[in-house]
Amino acid sequence: VQLQASGGGLVQAGGSLRLSCAASRNVLSITVMGWYRQAPGKQREWVADTSRAGTNYADSVKGRFTVSRNNAKNTLYLQMNSLTPEDTAVYYCNAVRGPVVSWGQGTQVTVSS
């Protein structure tokens, strides 16, 4: 699966952004789709994911971020509200299909204080 992430940008603290991740194949065939992020000098961390079993969120984003997917458009979304400077990072989408894990190229999110 090829993934193309988009929607990042510069936003002030308290603002919102919506990230998109377009998949090259029908997302119904993908077991889990999710978002990760990597801040400067830090390891990549899991943010949220969605599967038939439901959605899951890291504690740091719970209540502020919402992950969803549009099966008809083969696209995964991450709605990010009440952003803080601590959310500044490169955001990556990924997809798990059987033993294969695919990653998008990342999109930069910068939150100014």
Protein backbone atom coordinates (compact mmCIF):
# COMPACT_ATOMS: atom_id res chain seq x y z
CA VAL A 1 0.00 0.00 0.00
CA GLN A 2 1.29 3.43 -0.90
CA LEU A 3 0.28 6.24 1.43
CA GLN A 4 0.31 9.99 0.78
CA ALA A 5 -0.08 12.24 3.80
CA SER A 6 -1.09 15.88 3.55
CA GLY A 7 -2.68 18.71 5.48
CA GLY A 8 0.13 19.79 7.76
CA GLY A 9 1.07 23.39 8.29
CA LEU A 10 1.64 26.19 10.76
CA VAL A 11 -1.11 26.97 13.25
CA GLN A 12 -1.38 28.95 16.45
CA ALA A 13 -1.90 27.26 19.78
CA GLY A 14 -5.56 26.44 20.25
CA GLY A 15 -6.10 26.04 16.54
CA SER A 16 -7.07 23.04 14.45
CA LEU A 17 -5.77 21.09 11.50
CA ARG A 18 -7.01 18.08 9.60
CA LEU A 19 -4.50 15.65 8.19
CA SER A 20 -5.33 13.32 5.33
CA CYS A 21 -3.69 10.11 4.23
CA ALA A 22 -4.65 8.79 0.82
CA ALA A 23 -4.11 5.09 0.23
CA SER A 24 -3.37 3.51 -3.12
CA ARG A 25 -5.77 0.64 -2.54
CA ASN A 26 -9.11 -0.07 -0.95
CA VAL A 27 -8.76 0.65 2.75
CA LEU A 28 -11.28 -2.06 3.53
CA SER A 29 -8.47 -4.53 2.86
CA ILE A 30 -6.26 -2.83 5.44
CA THR A 31 -6.44 -4.19 8.96
CA VAL A 32 -5.28 -1.16 10.90
CA MET A 33 -4.58 2.40 9.84
CA GLY A 34 -3.00 4.86 12.16
CA TRP A 35 -1.04 8.01 12.81
CA TYR A 36 2.35 8.45 14.41
CA ARG A 37 4.42 11.54 15.01
CA GLN A 38 8.05 12.40 15.54
CA ALA A 39 9.15 15.59 17.22
CA PRO A 40 12.70 16.94 16.80
CA GLY A 41 15.14 14.93 18.87
CA LYS A 42 12.51 12.41 19.93
CA GLN A 43 11.50 8.94 18.87
CA ARG A 44 8.48 8.35 16.71
CA GLU A 45 5.40 7.83 18.86
CA TRP A 46 2.01 6.37 18.20
CA VAL A 47 -0.86 8.86 18.15
CA ALA A 48 -4.03 7.03 17.14
CA ASP A 49 -5.35 4.17 15.05
CA THR A 50 -8.56 2.74 13.69
CA SER A 51 -9.65 -0.76 12.77
CA ARG A 52 -12.84 -2.78 12.73
CA ALA A 53 -12.37 -3.16 16.48
CA GLY A 54 -12.60 0.59 16.98
CA THR A 55 -10.37 3.58 17.50
CA ASN A 56 -7.57 4.14 19.99
CA TYR A 57 -5.73 7.23 21.10
CA ALA A 58 -2.60 8.10 22.98
CA ASP A 59 -3.37 9.76 26.30
CA SER A 60 -1.66 12.94 25.15
CA VAL A 61 -4.22 13.49 22.36
CA LYS A 62 -7.33 11.86 23.76
CA GLY A 63 -10.28 14.25 23.66
CA ARG A 64 -8.52 16.58 21.19
CA PHE A 65 -7.77 14.40 18.16
CA THR A 66 -10.19 12.27 16.16
CA VAL A 67 -9.14 9.58 13.70
CA SER A 68 -11.51 8.45 10.99
CA ARG A 69 -11.47 6.96 7.54
CA ASN A 70 -13.55 7.34 4.43
CA ASN A 71 -13.66 3.94 2.79
CA ALA A 72 -15.15 5.30 -0.42
CA LYS A 73 -12.21 7.70 -0.81
CA ASN A 74 -9.57 5.30 0.54
CA THR A 75 -8.50 8.03 2.89
CA LEU A 76 -7.58 8.21 6.56
CA TYR A 77 -8.02 11.45 8.49
CA LEU A 78 -6.78 12.96 11.71
CA GLN A 79 -8.76 15.91 13.00
CA MET A 80 -6.61 17.79 15.49
CA ASN A 81 -8.20 20.38 17.76
CA SER A 82 -6.90 22.48 20.65
CA LEU A 83 -3.38 22.14 19.35
CA THR A 84 -0.45 23.00 21.61
CA PRO A 85 3.24 23.56 20.84
CA GLU A 86 3.86 20.05 22.20
CA ASP A 87 1.98 18.70 19.18
CA THR A 88 4.65 20.06 16.85
CA ALA A 89 6.07 17.13 14.91
CA VAL A 90 6.19 15.36 11.59
CA TYR A 91 3.05 13.24 11.37
CA TYR A 92 3.12 9.89 9.57
CA CYS A 93 0.28 7.63 8.60
CA ASN A 94 0.68 3.88 8.43
CA ALA A 95 -1.27 0.87 7.31
CA VAL A 96 -1.06 -2.73 8.42
CA ARG A 97 -2.24 -5.37 5.99
CA GLY A 98 -1.29 -8.87 6.99
CA PRO A 99 2.46 -8.95 7.63
CA VAL A 100 3.09 -5.75 5.69
CA VAL A 101 3.38 -2.36 7.32
CA SER A 102 3.42 0.68 5.04
CA TRP A 103 4.31 4.27 5.89
CA GLY A 104 3.46 7.59 4.30
CA GLN A 105 6.11 10.25 3.77
CA GLY A 106 5.11 12.49 6.68
CA THR A 107 3.62 15.94 6.93
CA GLN A 108 4.95 18.70 9.16
CA VAL A 109 2.71 20.22 11.83
CA THR A 110 4.04 23.26 13.63
CA VAL A 111 2.10 24.88 16.47
CA SER A 112 3.22 28.32 17.57
CA SER A 113 2.64 29.64 21.06
